[in-house]
Protein backbone atom coordinates (compact mmCIF):
# COMPACT_ATOMS: atom_id res chain seq x y z
CA MET A 1 -22.49 -20.21 -50.83
CA MET A 2 -19.93 -18.09 -49.34
CA GLN A 3 -22.26 -15.04 -48.96
CA GLN A 4 -24.72 -17.22 -47.04
CA VAL A 5 -22.12 -18.44 -44.65
CA MET A 6 -21.06 -14.95 -43.93
CA ARG A 7 -24.52 -13.69 -43.48
CA ARG A 8 -25.11 -16.52 -40.90
CA LEU A 9 -22.03 -15.63 -38.93
CA VAL A 10 -22.76 -11.98 -38.98
CA VAL A 11 -26.52 -12.55 -38.05
CA LEU A 12 -25.95 -15.18 -35.54
CA LEU A 13 -26.84 -14.00 -31.95
CA MET A 14 -26.83 -10.26 -32.94
CA LEU A 15 -29.67 -9.69 -30.71
CA THR A 16 -27.98 -11.44 -27.89
CA PRO A 17 -25.76 -9.35 -25.50
CA GLY A 18 -22.18 -9.78 -26.78
CA TRP A 19 -20.86 -10.88 -23.25
CA LEU A 20 -23.10 -14.01 -23.25
CA LEU A 21 -21.37 -15.49 -26.29
CA ALA A 22 -19.05 -18.46 -25.81
CA ALA A 23 -16.61 -20.01 -28.41
CA VAL A 24 -17.93 -20.82 -31.75
CA ASP A 25 -19.06 -24.30 -32.81
CA GLN A 26 -16.70 -26.62 -34.49
CA GLY A 27 -18.62 -26.27 -37.86
CA SER A 28 -17.55 -22.64 -37.86
CA VAL A 29 -14.04 -23.44 -36.76
CA ALA A 30 -13.79 -25.70 -39.80
CA LEU A 31 -14.40 -22.86 -42.07
CA LEU A 32 -10.91 -21.59 -41.42
CA ASP A 33 -9.61 -24.55 -43.41
CA GLN A 34 -12.25 -24.01 -46.20
CA ASP A 35 -13.92 -20.90 -47.11
CA LEU A 36 -12.19 -18.62 -44.77
CA THR A 37 -8.56 -17.71 -44.38
CA PRO A 38 -6.64 -18.64 -41.15
CA VAL A 39 -7.38 -15.07 -39.92
CA GLY A 40 -11.12 -15.39 -40.73
CA ALA A 41 -11.46 -13.41 -43.86
CA GLU A 42 -13.32 -14.59 -46.96
CA ARG A 43 -10.71 -16.64 -48.93
CA GLN A 44 -12.43 -15.60 -52.33
CA GLY A 45 -12.39 -12.40 -53.95
CA ASN A 46 -15.44 -10.61 -55.31
CA GLY A 47 -14.78 -11.61 -58.88
CA SER A 48 -13.61 -8.11 -59.93
CA ASP A 49 -11.28 -5.94 -58.21
CA ILE A 50 -10.83 -7.75 -54.82
CA PRO A 51 -8.61 -10.85 -55.54
CA ASP A 52 -8.68 -14.13 -53.78
CA TRP A 53 -6.35 -14.47 -50.78
CA THR A 54 -3.52 -16.72 -51.80
CA GLY A 55 -1.30 -16.58 -48.90
CA GLY A 56 -0.16 -12.89 -48.90
CA LEU A 57 3.37 -11.71 -49.00
CA ALA A 58 6.12 -14.45 -48.30
CA GLU A 59 8.52 -13.76 -45.48
CA GLN A 60 11.63 -11.87 -46.61
CA LYS A 61 14.44 -10.95 -44.26
CA GLY A 62 16.42 -7.54 -44.52
CA PRO A 63 18.35 -5.59 -44.13
CA TRP A 64 17.58 -3.42 -47.15
CA PRO A 65 19.37 -0.37 -48.29
CA GLY A 66 18.16 2.62 -46.36
CA GLY A 67 16.65 0.33 -43.68
CA PHE A 68 13.06 0.39 -45.00
CA HIS A 69 10.98 -2.46 -46.55
CA PRO A 70 11.12 -1.95 -50.47
CA ASP A 71 7.83 -1.60 -52.05
CA PRO A 72 6.89 -4.86 -53.74
CA TYR A 73 4.12 -2.99 -55.72
CA LYS A 74 6.08 -0.06 -56.95
CA ASN A 75 5.23 -0.54 -60.58
CA ASP A 76 1.57 -0.27 -60.04
CA MET A 77 -0.26 2.68 -61.45
CA PRO A 78 -3.49 4.23 -60.13
CA ILE A 79 -6.74 2.90 -61.77
CA ALA A 80 -8.88 5.82 -60.55
CA ARG A 81 -8.67 9.08 -58.69
CA ILE A 82 -11.40 10.10 -56.31
CA HIS A 83 -11.96 13.86 -55.59
CA ALA A 84 -14.72 16.23 -54.57
CA GLY A 85 -15.89 16.52 -58.22
CA ASN A 86 -16.63 12.83 -58.96
CA LEU A 87 -17.02 11.26 -55.46
CA GLU A 88 -20.72 10.57 -56.10
CA GLN A 89 -19.85 7.63 -58.50
CA TYR A 90 -17.79 6.19 -55.71
CA LYS A 91 -19.50 7.01 -52.46
CA ASP A 92 -20.82 3.38 -51.98
CA ARG A 93 -17.25 2.46 -51.12
CA LEU A 94 -16.40 5.56 -48.98
CA GLY A 95 -17.10 6.17 -45.43
CA ALA A 96 -18.74 9.34 -44.06
CA GLY A 97 -15.46 10.53 -42.90
CA GLN A 98 -13.67 10.12 -46.25
CA ILE A 99 -16.66 11.96 -47.99
CA ALA A 100 -16.48 14.87 -45.44
CA LEU A 101 -12.73 15.26 -45.93
CA LEU A 102 -12.98 15.09 -49.78
CA GLN A 103 -15.70 17.80 -49.71
CA ARG A 104 -13.91 20.03 -47.16
CA TYR A 105 -10.51 20.09 -49.09
CA PRO A 106 -10.48 20.59 -52.75
CA ASP A 107 -6.93 19.58 -53.20
CA LEU A 108 -7.45 16.26 -51.57
CA TYR A 109 -7.88 13.16 -53.50
CA LEU A 110 -7.55 9.25 -53.23
CA ASN A 111 -5.50 7.49 -55.75
CA ILE A 112 -6.99 3.94 -56.18
CA TYR A 113 -4.59 1.14 -57.02
CA PRO A 114 -4.96 -2.49 -57.95
CA SER A 115 -5.80 -4.35 -54.76
CA HIS A 116 -3.27 -6.95 -53.31
CA ARG A 117 -4.27 -9.05 -50.29
CA SER A 118 -0.74 -8.92 -48.95
CA ALA A 119 -1.55 -9.84 -45.36
CA SER A 120 0.41 -12.84 -43.94
CA TYR A 121 1.58 -14.07 -40.60
CA PRO A 122 3.84 -16.78 -39.15
CA GLN A 123 2.41 -20.26 -39.06
CA ARG A 124 2.32 -20.20 -35.05
CA VAL A 125 -0.05 -17.32 -35.40
CA TYR A 126 -2.48 -19.09 -37.79
CA ASP A 127 -2.22 -22.14 -35.40
CA ALA A 128 -3.14 -19.92 -32.24
CA LEU A 129 -5.92 -18.35 -34.20
CA ARG A 130 -7.57 -21.83 -34.89
CA THR A 131 -7.01 -22.75 -31.17
CA ASN A 132 -8.58 -19.29 -30.09
CA ALA A 133 -11.59 -19.87 -32.34
CA SER A 134 -12.66 -22.93 -30.33
CA LYS A 135 -11.75 -21.87 -26.93
CA ALA A 136 -11.80 -18.16 -26.50
CA LYS A 137 -14.69 -16.65 -24.51
CA LEU A 138 -15.74 -13.06 -23.62
CA LEU A 139 -15.68 -12.36 -19.91
CA PRO A 140 -18.98 -10.77 -18.48
CA TYR A 141 -19.98 -7.62 -20.08
CA GLY A 142 -17.17 -7.90 -22.54
CA ALA A 143 -14.44 -6.75 -19.97
CA GLY A 144 -11.89 -9.06 -21.43
CA VAL A 145 -11.29 -12.48 -23.05
CA ASP A 146 -10.48 -15.78 -21.51
CA GLY A 147 -8.86 -18.74 -23.39
CA ALA A 148 -6.91 -16.85 -25.99
CA LEU A 149 -3.26 -16.36 -26.73
CA VAL A 150 -1.02 -14.81 -29.31
CA SER A 151 -3.54 -13.08 -31.64
CA SER A 152 -7.20 -12.30 -32.38
CA PRO A 153 -9.39 -14.38 -30.18
CA PHE A 154 -12.36 -14.57 -32.40
CA PRO A 155 -11.55 -15.30 -36.23
CA VAL A 156 -15.22 -16.24 -36.74
CA PRO A 157 -16.93 -13.33 -34.75
CA THR A 158 -20.61 -13.07 -34.03
CA SER A 159 -20.77 -9.78 -32.34
CA GLY A 160 -19.22 -6.18 -32.33
CA LEU A 161 -17.51 -6.87 -29.01
CA GLU A 162 -15.68 -9.83 -30.51
CA VAL A 163 -14.67 -7.89 -33.58
CA ILE A 164 -13.20 -5.03 -31.49
CA TRP A 165 -11.35 -7.50 -29.24
CA ASN A 166 -9.91 -8.98 -32.43
CA HIS A 167 -8.33 -5.54 -33.25
CA THR A 168 -7.20 -5.11 -29.54
CA LEU A 169 -5.44 -8.52 -29.44
CA ARG A 170 -4.26 -8.83 -33.02
CA TYR A 171 -0.65 -10.13 -33.45
CA ARG A 172 1.81 -7.31 -33.41
CA GLY A 173 4.95 -9.41 -32.89
CA GLU A 174 6.65 -10.36 -29.69
CA SER A 175 8.57 -7.31 -29.03
CA VAL A 176 9.49 -4.16 -31.11
CA ALA A 177 11.62 -1.11 -30.81
CA PHE A 178 11.36 2.02 -32.92
CA ARG A 179 12.07 5.66 -33.13
CA SER A 180 9.42 8.00 -34.86
CA VAL A 181 8.08 11.61 -34.93
CA THR A 182 4.54 12.53 -34.03
CA SER A 183 3.33 15.93 -35.53
CA LEU A 184 0.34 18.22 -34.76
CA ILE A 185 -0.35 20.50 -37.71
CA THR A 186 -2.42 23.44 -36.98
CA GLU A 187 -5.11 24.94 -39.47
CA ASN A 188 -2.41 27.39 -40.94
CA GLY A 189 -0.05 24.67 -41.49
CA ASP A 190 2.37 25.17 -38.39
CA ARG A 191 3.73 21.98 -36.97
CA MET A 192 4.64 20.86 -33.56
CA ASP A 193 7.00 17.72 -33.97
CA THR A 194 7.94 15.40 -31.22
CA LEU A 195 10.61 12.80 -31.49
CA ARG A 196 10.20 9.52 -29.26
CA ASP A 197 11.65 6.14 -28.65
CA TYR A 198 9.16 3.26 -28.19
CA ARG A 199 9.73 -0.30 -26.74
CA TYR A 200 7.04 -2.76 -26.52
CA PHE A 201 6.91 -6.26 -25.04
CA PHE A 202 3.85 -8.24 -26.10
CA LYS A 203 3.49 -10.67 -23.25
CA TYR A 204 0.28 -12.11 -24.77
CA SER A 205 2.08 -13.12 -28.01
CA GLN A 206 5.18 -14.62 -26.47
CA PRO A 207 6.13 -18.16 -27.73
CA ASP A 208 5.18 -20.91 -25.14
CA MET A 209 3.06 -18.44 -23.19
CA THR A 210 0.24 -20.06 -21.06
CA LEU A 211 -2.96 -18.66 -19.76
CA GLN A 212 -1.57 -19.24 -16.36
CA GLN A 213 1.63 -17.34 -17.02
CA LEU A 214 -0.23 -14.48 -18.69
CA ASP A 215 -1.32 -12.83 -15.56
CA ASN A 216 -3.91 -10.50 -17.21
CA THR A 217 -1.42 -8.72 -19.22
CA VAL A 218 -1.28 -7.85 -22.86
CA PHE A 219 1.78 -5.79 -23.21
CA TYR A 220 4.27 -3.36 -21.54
CA LEU A 221 5.44 -0.14 -23.14
CA ILE A 222 8.15 2.35 -22.43
CA ARG A 223 8.00 5.63 -24.36
CA GLU A 224 10.82 8.12 -23.99
CA THR A 225 10.64 11.74 -25.31
CA LEU A 226 13.89 12.98 -27.10
CA ALA A 227 12.82 16.08 -28.65
CA PRO A 228 11.90 19.10 -28.39
CA ALA A 229 14.52 19.95 -25.72
CA GLN A 230 12.15 21.14 -23.12
CA MET A 231 10.39 17.71 -23.07
CA ALA A 232 13.61 15.51 -23.46
CA GLY A 233 13.97 12.83 -20.87
CA THR A 234 10.21 12.45 -20.17
CA LEU A 235 9.45 8.76 -20.05
CA THR A 236 6.08 6.94 -19.84
CA LEU A 237 5.79 3.24 -18.60
CA VAL A 238 2.44 1.41 -19.31
CA HIS A 239 1.30 -2.01 -18.13
CA GLU A 240 -1.70 -2.99 -20.40
CA PRO A 241 -4.02 -5.41 -18.59
CA LEU A 242 -6.23 -7.89 -20.59
CA ASP A 243 -9.32 -7.08 -18.26
CA GLN A 244 -9.16 -3.49 -17.60
CA ILE A 245 -12.29 -3.45 -15.52
CA ARG A 246 -10.84 -5.85 -12.93
CA SER A 247 -7.53 -4.44 -13.03
CA PRO A 248 -7.10 -0.97 -14.60
CA ARG A 249 -4.33 0.09 -16.76
CA LYS A 250 -1.12 0.95 -14.67
CA SER A 251 1.05 3.84 -15.88
CA TRP A 252 3.93 5.89 -14.58
CA ILE A 253 5.71 8.94 -15.78
CA TYR A 254 9.30 10.10 -15.28
CA ILE A 255 10.13 13.71 -15.74
CA ALA A 256 13.79 14.38 -16.11
CA GLY A 257 13.77 17.63 -13.93
CA GLN A 258 12.15 15.81 -10.98
CA ARG A 259 14.11 12.55 -11.29
CA ARG A 260 11.30 10.33 -9.94
CA LEU A 261 8.83 7.84 -11.34
CA ARG A 262 5.33 8.60 -10.33
CA ARG A 263 2.04 6.77 -11.00
CA THR A 264 -0.41 8.69 -13.17
CA PRO A 265 -4.10 8.29 -12.72
CA ASP A 266 -6.93 7.88 -15.11
CA LEU A 267 -5.01 6.90 -18.36
CA ALA A 268 -7.97 5.60 -19.96
CA TYR A 269 -11.23 6.19 -21.86
CA ASP A 270 -11.55 9.89 -22.83
CA THR A 271 -8.81 11.32 -20.66
CA PRO A 272 -6.92 13.79 -22.88
CA ASP A 273 -3.78 12.33 -24.38
CA VAL A 274 -1.22 14.94 -23.24
CA SER A 275 1.32 13.50 -25.70
CA THR A 276 -0.86 14.86 -28.46
CA GLN A 277 -1.40 18.42 -26.84
CA SER A 278 -4.75 16.88 -25.75
CA PHE A 279 -5.82 16.66 -29.43
CA ARG A 280 -6.80 12.91 -28.94
CA THR A 281 -8.31 10.94 -26.11
CA VAL A 282 -6.34 8.07 -24.57
CA ASP A 283 -8.48 5.55 -26.14
CA GLN A 284 -7.78 6.81 -29.67
CA VAL A 285 -4.24 5.41 -29.41
CA ASP A 286 -3.94 2.62 -32.06
CA ILE A 287 -7.29 4.12 -33.37
CA TYR A 288 -9.05 2.39 -30.45
CA ASN A 289 -7.73 0.72 -27.23
CA GLY A 290 -8.96 -0.10 -23.70
CA ALA A 291 -11.97 -1.25 -21.85
CA PRO A 292 -15.11 -1.32 -23.91
CA ASP A 293 -17.77 -1.16 -21.04
CA ARG A 294 -18.80 2.56 -21.79
CA PHE A 295 -20.24 1.74 -25.01
CA ASP A 296 -22.84 -0.64 -26.58
CA TRP A 297 -21.23 -2.44 -29.61
CA GLN A 298 -23.18 -3.43 -32.58
CA LEU A 299 -21.88 -5.49 -35.53
CA LEU A 300 -23.22 -3.88 -38.73
CA GLY A 301 -21.73 -6.45 -41.08
CA LYS A 302 -19.23 -6.37 -43.87
CA GLN A 303 -18.85 -4.13 -46.86
CA GLU A 304 -16.42 -3.27 -49.77
CA MET A 305 -14.46 -0.07 -49.24
CA TYR A 306 -11.46 1.81 -50.42
CA ILE A 307 -8.98 1.89 -47.60
CA PRO A 308 -5.31 2.73 -47.14
CA TYR A 309 -3.35 -0.31 -47.87
CA ASN A 310 0.29 -1.43 -48.90
CA ALA A 311 1.36 2.12 -48.03
CA TYR A 312 5.11 1.39 -48.93
CA ALA A 313 5.56 4.77 -50.78
CA VAL A 314 5.03 6.80 -47.73
CA HIS A 315 7.17 4.23 -45.64
CA GLN A 316 10.46 5.09 -47.39
CA GLY A 317 13.61 6.62 -45.90
CA ASP A 318 14.20 9.25 -48.82
CA VAL A 319 10.73 10.60 -48.12
CA LYS A 320 10.94 13.73 -45.94
CA LEU A 321 8.34 15.01 -43.31
CA ASP A 322 7.88 18.08 -45.30
CA ASP A 323 6.99 15.93 -48.26
CA ILE A 324 4.33 13.95 -46.20
CA LEU A 325 2.68 16.80 -44.03
CA HIS A 326 0.73 19.23 -45.98
CA GLN A 327 -1.20 22.19 -44.46
CA HIS A 328 -4.56 20.47 -44.14
CA HIS A 329 -3.99 16.69 -44.70
CA LEU A 330 -1.37 14.20 -45.72
CA ASN A 331 0.16 14.62 -49.08
CA PRO A 332 -2.29 12.49 -51.24
CA SER A 333 0.40 11.85 -53.97
CA LEU A 334 2.23 9.46 -51.40
CA LEU A 335 -0.82 7.61 -50.34
CA ARG A 336 -2.33 4.35 -51.77
CA TYR A 337 -5.81 3.13 -51.48
CA GLU A 338 -7.27 -0.22 -52.47
CA ALA A 339 -10.61 -2.06 -52.52
CA HIS A 340 -10.95 -4.46 -49.74
CA ARG A 341 -13.68 -5.95 -47.48
CA VAL A 342 -13.98 -4.58 -44.09
CA TRP A 343 -16.00 -5.46 -40.85
CA VAL A 344 -18.13 -2.45 -39.62
CA VAL A 345 -18.72 -1.99 -35.80
CA GLU A 346 -20.69 0.84 -34.21
CA ALA A 347 -20.26 1.78 -30.60
CA ARG A 348 -22.97 4.02 -28.79
CA LEU A 349 -22.52 5.54 -25.65
CA ARG A 350 -24.39 3.73 -22.79
CA GLU A 351 -26.83 5.61 -20.61
CA GLY A 352 -25.59 6.97 -17.44
CA VAL A 353 -21.84 7.08 -18.34
CA SER A 354 -19.81 10.00 -19.96
CA HIS A 355 -17.38 10.19 -22.85
CA LYS A 356 -16.25 12.92 -25.22
CA PHE A 357 -17.90 10.96 -28.12
CA LYS A 358 -21.48 9.78 -28.20
CA ARG A 359 -21.03 7.53 -31.28
CA ARG A 360 -18.18 5.82 -32.94
CA ARG A 361 -17.90 3.72 -36.04
CA TYR A 362 -14.86 1.45 -36.91
CA TYR A 363 -13.95 -0.25 -40.20
CA LEU A 364 -11.56 -3.26 -39.76
CA ASP A 365 -9.54 -4.92 -42.51
CA GLU A 366 -10.82 -8.43 -42.85
CA ASP A 367 -7.38 -9.90 -43.59
CA SER A 368 -5.51 -8.34 -40.41
CA TRP A 369 -8.35 -7.13 -37.94
CA GLN A 370 -6.59 -3.78 -37.96
CA ILE A 371 -8.86 -0.82 -37.66
CA VAL A 372 -8.23 1.04 -40.88
CA TYR A 373 -10.86 3.84 -40.52
CA ALA A 374 -12.76 5.32 -37.63
CA GLU A 375 -15.46 8.13 -37.33
CA GLU A 376 -15.95 9.99 -34.09
CA TYR A 377 -19.40 11.90 -33.46
CA ASP A 378 -20.00 14.36 -30.86
CA HIS A 379 -23.11 14.67 -28.49
CA GLN A 380 -24.88 16.66 -31.13
CA ASP A 381 -24.38 13.39 -33.39
CA GLN A 382 -22.08 15.78 -35.67
CA LEU A 383 -18.97 13.99 -37.21
CA GLN A 384 -16.15 15.52 -35.35
CA GLN A 385 -12.89 13.45 -35.97
CA VAL A 386 -11.77 10.93 -38.74
CA LEU A 387 -8.92 8.46 -38.15
CA GLU A 388 -7.06 6.23 -40.63
CA ALA A 389 -4.30 3.76 -40.60
CA HIS A 390 -1.94 3.22 -43.51
CA LEU A 391 -0.98 -0.32 -43.41
CA ILE A 392 1.87 -2.32 -44.66
CA ASN A 393 3.04 -6.01 -44.33
CA TYR A 394 6.33 -5.87 -42.40
CA TYR A 395 7.20 -8.94 -44.37
CA ASP A 396 10.40 -9.65 -42.34
CA VAL A 397 8.13 -10.94 -39.60
CA PRO A 398 5.54 -11.08 -41.44
CA LEU A 399 2.69 -9.07 -40.00
CA MET A 400 0.38 -6.19 -40.94
CA TYR A 401 0.69 -2.93 -39.08
CA PRO A 402 0.38 0.76 -39.90
CA THR A 403 3.43 2.68 -40.92
CA LEU A 404 1.31 5.83 -40.47
CA GLU A 405 -1.66 6.86 -38.57
CA VAL A 406 -3.50 10.19 -38.86
CA THR A 407 -6.48 11.82 -37.13
CA TYR A 408 -8.37 14.76 -38.65
CA ASP A 409 -10.46 17.17 -36.56
CA LEU A 410 -13.29 18.76 -38.61
CA SER A 411 -14.22 21.39 -36.09
CA SER A 412 -10.73 22.95 -35.80
CA GLY A 413 -9.08 22.04 -39.08
CA ARG A 414 -6.07 20.47 -37.32
CA TYR A 415 -4.73 17.00 -37.84
CA TYR A 416 -2.23 14.67 -35.94
CA ALA A 417 0.10 12.23 -37.48
CA GLU A 418 2.24 9.61 -35.83
CA GLY A 419 4.64 6.74 -36.87
CA LEU A 420 6.65 9.26 -38.92
CA ASP A 421 9.99 7.37 -38.92
CA ASN A 422 11.16 8.38 -42.33
CA GLU A 423 13.95 10.48 -41.15
CA GLN A 424 15.21 7.97 -38.69
CA ALA A 425 17.80 5.31 -39.20
CA ALA A 426 15.45 2.43 -39.98
CA ALA A 427 11.90 1.04 -39.79
CA PRO A 428 10.65 -0.70 -36.57
CA ASP A 429 12.80 -3.58 -35.31
CA PHE A 430 10.82 -6.71 -34.44
CA PHE A 431 13.88 -8.94 -33.95
CA ASN A 432 17.35 -7.76 -32.65
CA ASN A 433 15.92 -5.32 -30.00
CA ASP A 434 17.02 -7.12 -26.70
CA ILE A 435 13.84 -6.29 -25.07
CA ARG A 436 12.99 -8.34 -21.74
CA GLU A 437 9.88 -8.35 -19.61
CA SER A 438 12.12 -7.42 -16.59
CA ASP A 439 12.91 -4.18 -18.32
CA PHE A 440 9.48 -2.97 -17.57
CA ILE A 441 9.50 -3.28 -13.76
CA PRO A 442 9.16 0.17 -12.31
CA SER A 443 12.30 0.04 -10.28
CA SER A 444 14.30 -0.91 -13.48
CA VAL A 445 12.88 1.87 -15.35
CA ARG A 446 13.55 4.28 -12.75
CA ARG A 447 17.22 3.10 -12.47
CA ASP A 448 17.61 3.32 -16.21
CA ALA A 449 15.96 6.68 -16.37
CA ARG A 450 18.37 8.28 -13.86
CA ARG A 451 21.46 7.15 -15.75
């Protein structure tokens, strides 16, 4: 019965342009109380290695010794190890990017652990998801969403556009502050580390927010570079709109030596992300972000897959960056993969528009709407980059969010890792961060930067 329900939801209107879709019918909304979880995942497991969802991890407040979330699954042992020599027997649960990396690097492997459906969220998020399911609608051509707040707008999606908006607008807290390192690793193993402070204010997810007050805003971000010394004091301010076609993203940059805050153009699509030495494009931040109008989006369905999950081992404060960052890839002994179900969406470049990538495939965890894998193809339809997000439940909130993201470039042999907070004082702070919306007014940022 459940498989029939999911087939109906996936096939429904697949031949209709995504932007014509309205809110789902009440019968589909009712599934959120029955066969589906409040987030829209299948409540039942697969009868073997994917368990039923029984509520996820319970909320547990810190602080903890060392400042990082203790691993609730530290006593688990791997049940399989996938490597180049045996991947044929596992390839039905691997993406093309995973296979390419395993074939390229003989020392790379995936440790497969027992699966735990740990995803959980505050009750107000579940309440908002149910409301969104009956009220949210795509704007024309998928440019944005109307009628949704707090979290993913389409927990019972019927199109690729709805699924990708579920990732873009998933619940990430109300505000968060953290300090972490990003690192670009060259083919010979040299590293370029950058230390930054981040402050986010998620207007879309604020308690008591209304559609009228939202003012087409998802979040605000201030990112300040602390090291290396020649970049210290550089600050970026971002105002992220909901409809980026009607009102494009606004961004400013402050360079300490110039002592002025100036607008930056074209911080969108495949503009090179200078914070990564132009290794990535701007729309690869958070694996995917921004306006979806340059691509046609197709929902390919759901599948079982080995994905990075419950990555608490690589989240700890006693793990050093030298332990994590190996020459060609992350240290596989610190990584954890589990069997989970994912939504699969493919984006193909529309005729008449330009982008670095011709085809993009995304895999989204069904329990969180977080993209956990992505494969980027060039204009010769050759796989060029592979991205993955290593998730944990920040169970003091609770919410699912990557503790680490990585992008591998197959043509150059380089890779880029971000979210490396292990050598900092603590994990991201979703609570006592004293962040206010007024902090993100350009005049306030300019004044604070000059102090």
